[in-house]
Protein backbone atom coordinates (compact mmCIF):
# COMPACT_ATOMS: atom_id res chain seq x y z
CA MET A 1 -80.15 -17.21 -31.07
CA GLY A 2 -81.66 -20.48 -32.22
CA LEU A 3 -83.33 -18.60 -35.06
CA ALA A 4 -79.96 -17.10 -35.98
CA TRP A 5 -78.49 -20.61 -36.18
CA TRP A 6 -81.36 -21.71 -38.42
CA LEU A 7 -80.98 -18.64 -40.64
CA VAL A 8 -77.28 -19.39 -41.12
CA GLY A 9 -78.25 -23.01 -41.85
CA LEU A 10 -80.67 -21.93 -44.56
CA ILE A 11 -78.01 -19.71 -46.11
CA ALA A 12 -75.56 -22.63 -46.02
CA PHE A 13 -78.05 -24.90 -47.79
CA ILE A 14 -78.18 -22.51 -50.76
CA THR A 15 -74.90 -23.99 -52.00
CA ILE A 16 -74.32 -27.72 -52.26
CA ILE A 17 -70.94 -27.37 -50.59
CA GLY A 18 -72.58 -25.74 -47.53
CA ILE A 19 -74.89 -28.66 -46.70
CA PRO A 20 -72.66 -30.12 -43.91
CA TRP A 21 -72.53 -26.70 -42.24
CA GLY A 22 -76.28 -26.29 -42.68
CA LYS A 23 -76.96 -29.62 -41.01
CA ALA A 24 -74.76 -28.65 -38.06
CA CYS A 25 -76.60 -25.29 -37.84
CA PHE A 26 -79.98 -26.95 -37.47
CA VAL A 27 -78.69 -29.32 -34.77
CA MET A 28 -77.05 -26.49 -32.84
CA GLY A 29 -80.08 -24.24 -33.35
CA GLN A 30 -82.31 -26.83 -31.72
CA PHE A 31 -79.71 -27.22 -28.99
CA SER A 32 -79.75 -23.48 -28.33
CA PHE A 33 -83.52 -23.56 -27.79
CA PHE A 34 -83.24 -26.36 -25.19
CA PRO A 35 -79.66 -26.30 -23.78
CA PHE A 36 -80.31 -27.50 -20.23
CA GLY A 37 -79.33 -31.11 -19.51
CA LYS A 38 -77.46 -31.44 -22.80
CA GLU A 39 -73.96 -30.85 -24.04
CA ALA A 40 -72.08 -31.00 -27.32
CA VAL A 41 -69.31 -33.60 -27.44
CA SER A 42 -66.90 -34.58 -30.15
CA ARG A 43 -68.12 -37.55 -32.20
CA ASP A 44 -64.71 -39.23 -32.15
CA ILE A 45 -64.79 -39.37 -28.34
CA LEU A 46 -68.42 -40.51 -28.29
CA ASN A 47 -68.06 -43.22 -30.97
CA GLN A 48 -64.45 -44.16 -30.18
CA SER A 49 -63.64 -43.76 -33.88
CA GLY A 50 -63.03 -40.88 -36.24
CA ASP A 51 -65.11 -39.83 -39.21
CA ILE A 52 -64.93 -37.21 -41.94
CA GLY A 53 -66.06 -34.41 -39.61
CA THR A 54 -63.55 -35.19 -36.85
CA GLY A 55 -60.42 -35.45 -38.97
CA THR A 56 -58.45 -33.04 -41.11
CA LEU A 57 -61.45 -32.19 -43.30
CA GLY A 58 -63.42 -31.34 -40.17
CA LEU A 59 -60.65 -28.99 -39.06
CA ILE A 60 -60.65 -27.27 -42.45
CA GLY A 61 -64.45 -27.09 -42.31
CA ASN A 62 -64.34 -25.50 -38.86
CA ILE A 63 -61.84 -22.88 -40.05
CA ILE A 64 -64.08 -22.00 -43.00
CA TRP A 65 -67.07 -21.99 -40.63
CA PHE A 66 -65.35 -19.64 -38.19
CA VAL A 67 -64.48 -17.15 -40.92
CA PHE A 68 -67.96 -16.98 -42.45
CA ALA A 69 -70.41 -17.58 -39.58
CA GLY A 70 -68.90 -18.89 -36.35
CA PHE A 71 -67.39 -15.62 -35.24
CA TRP A 72 -70.70 -13.77 -35.63
CA LEU A 73 -72.77 -16.44 -33.90
CA ALA A 74 -70.26 -16.53 -31.01
CA ILE A 75 -70.50 -12.74 -30.67
CA GLY A 76 -74.30 -13.02 -30.63
CA HIS A 77 -74.17 -15.63 -27.88
CA ILE A 78 -71.76 -13.52 -25.82
CA ILE A 79 -74.00 -10.46 -26.13
CA SER A 80 -77.01 -12.61 -25.18
CA ALA A 81 -75.07 -14.00 -22.21
CA LEU A 82 -74.22 -10.53 -20.97
CA ALA A 83 -77.84 -9.45 -21.32
CA CYS A 84 -79.01 -12.49 -19.34
CA ILE A 85 -76.36 -12.19 -16.62
CA ILE A 86 -77.30 -8.56 -15.91
CA ILE A 87 -80.48 -9.77 -14.21
CA ILE A 88 -80.10 -12.36 -11.46
CA ILE A 89 -82.80 -14.70 -12.75
CA GLY A 90 -81.05 -14.90 -16.14
CA ILE A 91 -77.67 -16.12 -14.85
CA PRO A 92 -78.28 -19.82 -15.75
CA PHE A 93 -79.32 -18.76 -19.26
CA GLY A 94 -76.22 -16.59 -19.53
CA PHE A 95 -73.99 -19.55 -18.71
CA GLN A 96 -75.76 -21.62 -21.36
CA HIS A 97 -75.14 -18.86 -23.92
CA LEU A 98 -71.44 -18.89 -23.02
CA LYS A 99 -71.40 -22.67 -23.58
CA LEU A 100 -73.09 -22.15 -26.94
CA ALA A 101 -70.60 -19.41 -27.87
CA GLY A 102 -67.79 -21.94 -27.51
CA ILE A 103 -69.68 -24.39 -29.71
CA ALA A 104 -70.39 -21.69 -32.30
CA ILE A 105 -66.68 -21.37 -32.96
CA ALA A 106 -66.27 -24.96 -34.19
CA PRO A 107 -69.46 -27.09 -34.45
CA ILE A 108 -68.33 -29.53 -37.17
CA GLY A 109 -67.54 -32.94 -35.71
CA LYS A 110 -69.71 -32.47 -32.63
CA THR A 111 -73.02 -33.97 -31.63
CA VAL A 112 -75.49 -33.12 -28.89
CA VAL A 113 -76.03 -35.68 -26.11
CA THR A 114 -78.10 -35.71 -22.96
CA ASN A 115 -76.18 -35.48 -19.68
CA SER A 116 -76.59 -38.50 -17.48
């Protein structure tokens, strides 16, 4: 699924307007390769101040994202989660895929941090 995130990021970089989505794709793609001990949090909560990705433009960006790529990436993560949960040893990976499916719906305005 990390490769799928990176592929969507490359497609987003083709247009200049897609660069913010592409950047988020590469961050979330790396996060999907190593999800344990990390979580995605909203930047306005983390920094105690808003920015362009956490305001109204971020909401509009997330809606556009959901229509073009977020829905499909979320479906991919859900299918991967079901495949992992079928076998007992894959249950932790399945839960991580479910976490990533939620992030795939609206990644703009979020950043990945290490759990402490």
